[in-house]
Amino acid sequence: MTLVSGNLKDGEWWTSWIMPMNTGSDPLVYGVTVRASNTNKGPNSVESKPVTVTVAGKPQSDFKKPIQPMPGKK
């Protein structure tokens, strides 16, 4: 994580990552938590509340429609 403001004891930290691509049409919903640990003075840690992250699905128009058989001779 990167410290973006404040100091080591009282600061704001940011991180980022790439979510997997959603190849389906329905959204994928993830619950993300962050755990911070301080091992300088014993194993202290704290965990955030879950945050919901939604990866949108492909619009229906992006899916290929099945080819309909042509009427007539077989």
N, C-alpha and C. Protein backbone atom coordinates (compact mmCIF):
# COMPACT_ATOMS: atom_id res chain seq x y z
N MET A 1 0.85 -1.17 0.00
CA MET A 1 0.00 0.00 0.00
C MET A 1 0.90 1.23 0.00
N THR A 2 0.35 2.33 -0.50
CA THR A 2 1.10 3.58 -0.59
C THR A 2 0.49 4.61 0.35
N LEU A 3 1.33 5.24 1.15
CA LEU A 3 0.89 6.32 2.03
C LEU A 3 0.64 7.55 1.18
N VAL A 4 -0.60 8.05 1.17
CA VAL A 4 -0.93 9.21 0.32
C VAL A 4 -1.08 10.50 1.12
N SER A 5 -1.31 10.40 2.42
CA SER A 5 -1.33 11.60 3.27
C SER A 5 -1.15 11.17 4.72
N GLY A 6 -0.75 12.12 5.56
CA GLY A 6 -0.53 11.82 6.97
C GLY A 6 0.84 11.21 7.20
N ASN A 7 0.92 10.39 8.24
CA ASN A 7 2.20 9.77 8.60
C ASN A 7 1.98 8.27 8.86
N LEU A 8 3.06 7.59 9.24
CA LEU A 8 2.97 6.14 9.43
C LEU A 8 1.97 5.73 10.51
N LYS A 9 1.80 6.55 11.55
CA LYS A 9 0.89 6.21 12.63
C LYS A 9 -0.55 6.65 12.36
N ASP A 10 -0.72 7.71 11.59
CA ASP A 10 -2.05 8.26 11.33
C ASP A 10 -2.09 8.76 9.89
N GLY A 11 -2.29 7.86 8.98
CA GLY A 11 -2.25 8.25 7.58
C GLY A 11 -3.34 7.61 6.75
N GLU A 12 -3.40 8.02 5.51
CA GLU A 12 -4.32 7.45 4.53
C GLU A 12 -3.49 6.66 3.53
N TRP A 13 -3.85 5.40 3.38
CA TRP A 13 -3.11 4.48 2.53
C TRP A 13 -4.00 4.02 1.38
N TRP A 14 -3.45 3.89 0.21
CA TRP A 14 -4.19 3.45 -0.97
C TRP A 14 -3.50 2.26 -1.61
N THR A 15 -4.31 1.46 -2.28
CA THR A 15 -3.80 0.39 -3.11
C THR A 15 -4.77 0.18 -4.26
N SER A 16 -4.35 -0.53 -5.27
CA SER A 16 -5.25 -0.85 -6.38
C SER A 16 -4.88 -2.21 -6.93
N TRP A 17 -5.81 -2.82 -7.63
CA TRP A 17 -5.58 -4.10 -8.27
C TRP A 17 -6.54 -4.22 -9.44
N ILE A 18 -6.28 -5.16 -10.29
CA ILE A 18 -7.13 -5.39 -11.45
C ILE A 18 -8.09 -6.54 -11.14
N MET A 19 -9.38 -6.27 -11.29
CA MET A 19 -10.38 -7.31 -11.06
C MET A 19 -10.46 -8.19 -12.32
N PRO A 20 -10.75 -9.47 -12.15
CA PRO A 20 -10.89 -10.34 -13.32
C PRO A 20 -12.02 -9.87 -14.23
N MET A 21 -11.83 -10.02 -15.54
CA MET A 21 -12.84 -9.63 -16.50
C MET A 21 -14.06 -10.53 -16.34
N ASN A 22 -15.23 -9.94 -16.46
CA ASN A 22 -16.48 -10.68 -16.40
C ASN A 22 -16.90 -11.01 -17.82
N THR A 23 -16.90 -12.28 -18.18
CA THR A 23 -17.25 -12.68 -19.54
C THR A 23 -18.73 -13.06 -19.67
N GLY A 24 -19.46 -13.06 -18.56
CA GLY A 24 -20.88 -13.38 -18.60
C GLY A 24 -21.72 -12.12 -18.71
N SER A 25 -23.03 -12.30 -18.76
CA SER A 25 -23.93 -11.15 -18.89
C SER A 25 -24.37 -10.61 -17.53
N ASP A 26 -24.33 -11.44 -16.49
CA ASP A 26 -24.73 -11.00 -15.15
C ASP A 26 -23.54 -10.38 -14.43
N PRO A 27 -23.79 -9.37 -13.59
CA PRO A 27 -22.69 -8.77 -12.83
C PRO A 27 -22.10 -9.78 -11.84
N LEU A 28 -20.81 -9.66 -11.60
CA LEU A 28 -20.14 -10.43 -10.55
C LEU A 28 -19.96 -9.51 -9.36
N VAL A 29 -20.36 -9.96 -8.18
CA VAL A 29 -20.29 -9.14 -6.98
C VAL A 29 -19.30 -9.77 -6.01
N TYR A 30 -18.34 -8.98 -5.57
CA TYR A 30 -17.32 -9.43 -4.64
C TYR A 30 -17.45 -8.63 -3.33
N GLY A 31 -17.09 -9.25 -2.23
CA GLY A 31 -16.95 -8.56 -0.96
C GLY A 31 -15.46 -8.43 -0.67
N VAL A 32 -14.99 -7.21 -0.47
CA VAL A 32 -13.56 -6.96 -0.27
C VAL A 32 -13.34 -6.41 1.13
N THR A 33 -12.38 -6.99 1.85
CA THR A 33 -11.96 -6.46 3.15
C THR A 33 -10.46 -6.24 3.11
N VAL A 34 -10.00 -5.34 3.95
CA VAL A 34 -8.56 -5.05 4.07
C VAL A 34 -8.15 -5.31 5.50
N ARG A 35 -7.03 -6.00 5.66
CA ARG A 35 -6.47 -6.24 6.99
C ARG A 35 -5.11 -5.58 7.06
N ALA A 36 -4.92 -4.76 8.08
CA ALA A 36 -3.63 -4.10 8.30
C ALA A 36 -3.00 -4.71 9.55
N SER A 37 -1.70 -4.99 9.47
CA SER A 37 -0.99 -5.59 10.59
C SER A 37 0.22 -4.75 10.97
N ASN A 38 0.52 -4.69 12.26
CA ASN A 38 1.70 -4.02 12.77
C ASN A 38 2.47 -5.03 13.60
N THR A 39 3.61 -5.43 13.12
CA THR A 39 4.39 -6.44 13.84
C THR A 39 5.52 -5.83 14.67
N ASN A 40 5.62 -4.49 14.71
CA ASN A 40 6.69 -3.85 15.49
C ASN A 40 6.54 -4.11 16.98
N LYS A 41 5.33 -4.07 17.51
CA LYS A 41 5.10 -4.25 18.95
C LYS A 41 4.10 -5.38 19.16
N GLY A 42 4.41 -6.53 18.67
CA GLY A 42 3.50 -7.66 18.80
C GLY A 42 2.58 -7.75 17.60
N PRO A 43 1.95 -8.88 17.44
CA PRO A 43 1.07 -9.07 16.28
C PRO A 43 -0.28 -8.36 16.46
N ASN A 44 -0.34 -7.10 16.11
CA ASN A 44 -1.57 -6.33 16.15
C ASN A 44 -2.14 -6.24 14.74
N SER A 45 -3.46 -6.41 14.59
CA SER A 45 -4.06 -6.25 13.28
C SER A 45 -5.48 -5.73 13.43
N VAL A 46 -5.97 -5.13 12.36
CA VAL A 46 -7.34 -4.64 12.31
C VAL A 46 -7.87 -4.93 10.91
N GLU A 47 -9.16 -5.22 10.82
CA GLU A 47 -9.77 -5.54 9.53
C GLU A 47 -10.92 -4.58 9.26
N SER A 48 -11.03 -4.14 8.01
CA SER A 48 -12.10 -3.23 7.62
C SER A 48 -13.42 -3.97 7.51
N LYS A 49 -14.49 -3.21 7.46
CA LYS A 49 -15.80 -3.78 7.14
C LYS A 49 -15.78 -4.14 5.66
N PRO A 50 -16.57 -5.14 5.26
CA PRO A 50 -16.59 -5.51 3.83
C PRO A 50 -17.15 -4.37 2.96
N VAL A 51 -16.56 -4.22 1.80
CA VAL A 51 -17.02 -3.27 0.81
C VAL A 51 -17.40 -4.08 -0.42
N THR A 52 -18.55 -3.76 -1.02
CA THR A 52 -19.01 -4.48 -2.20
C THR A 52 -18.40 -3.88 -3.45
N VAL A 53 -17.84 -4.74 -4.30
CA VAL A 53 -17.29 -4.33 -5.60
C VAL A 53 -18.02 -5.14 -6.66
N THR A 54 -18.60 -4.45 -7.64
CA THR A 54 -19.36 -5.12 -8.71
C THR A 54 -18.63 -4.96 -10.03
N VAL A 55 -18.41 -6.09 -10.72
CA VAL A 55 -17.83 -6.07 -12.06
C VAL A 55 -18.98 -6.32 -13.03
N ALA A 56 -19.30 -5.31 -13.83
CA ALA A 56 -20.44 -5.39 -14.74
C ALA A 56 -20.24 -6.51 -15.76
N GLY A 57 -21.36 -7.07 -16.21
CA GLY A 57 -21.32 -8.10 -17.24
C GLY A 57 -21.37 -7.48 -18.62
N LYS A 58 -21.18 -8.33 -19.63
CA LYS A 58 -21.26 -7.86 -21.01
C LYS A 58 -22.71 -7.52 -21.34
N PRO A 59 -22.92 -6.45 -22.09
CA PRO A 59 -24.30 -6.18 -22.55
C PRO A 59 -24.77 -7.32 -23.45
N GLN A 60 -26.06 -7.60 -23.42
CA GLN A 60 -26.62 -8.69 -24.23
C GLN A 60 -26.26 -8.53 -25.71
N SER A 61 -26.14 -7.30 -26.19
CA SER A 61 -25.84 -7.08 -27.60
C SER A 61 -24.45 -7.59 -27.99
N ASP A 62 -23.56 -7.83 -27.02
CA ASP A 62 -22.22 -8.32 -27.31
C ASP A 62 -22.20 -9.84 -27.57
N PHE A 63 -23.27 -10.53 -27.20
CA PHE A 63 -23.33 -11.97 -27.40
C PHE A 63 -23.83 -12.26 -28.81
N LYS A 64 -23.22 -13.24 -29.44
CA LYS A 64 -23.65 -13.62 -30.79
C LYS A 64 -24.96 -14.39 -30.70
N LYS A 65 -25.86 -14.06 -31.61
CA LYS A 65 -27.13 -14.75 -31.66
C LYS A 65 -26.96 -16.04 -32.46
N PRO A 66 -27.66 -17.11 -32.06
CA PRO A 66 -27.53 -18.35 -32.82
C PRO A 66 -28.06 -18.17 -34.24
N ILE A 67 -27.44 -18.87 -35.17
CA ILE A 67 -27.85 -18.82 -36.57
C ILE A 67 -29.13 -19.64 -36.72
N GLN A 68 -30.14 -19.02 -37.30
CA GLN A 68 -31.40 -19.71 -37.53
C GLN A 68 -31.31 -20.50 -38.83
N PRO A 69 -31.80 -21.75 -38.83
CA PRO A 69 -31.76 -22.53 -40.08
C PRO A 69 -32.66 -21.89 -41.14
N MET A 70 -32.22 -21.95 -42.36
CA MET A 70 -32.99 -21.40 -43.48
C MET A 70 -34.06 -22.40 -43.88
N PRO A 71 -35.28 -21.93 -44.12
CA PRO A 71 -36.31 -22.87 -44.59
C PRO A 71 -35.98 -23.32 -46.02
N GLY A 72 -36.44 -24.49 -46.38
CA GLY A 72 -36.21 -24.96 -47.75
C GLY A 72 -35.69 -26.38 -47.76
N LYS A 73 -34.93 -26.69 -48.79
CA LYS A 73 -34.42 -28.06 -48.97
C LYS A 73 -33.39 -28.39 -47.91
N LYS A 74 -33.36 -29.67 -47.59
CA LYS A 74 -32.34 -30.16 -46.64
C LYS A 74 -31.21 -30.78 -47.38
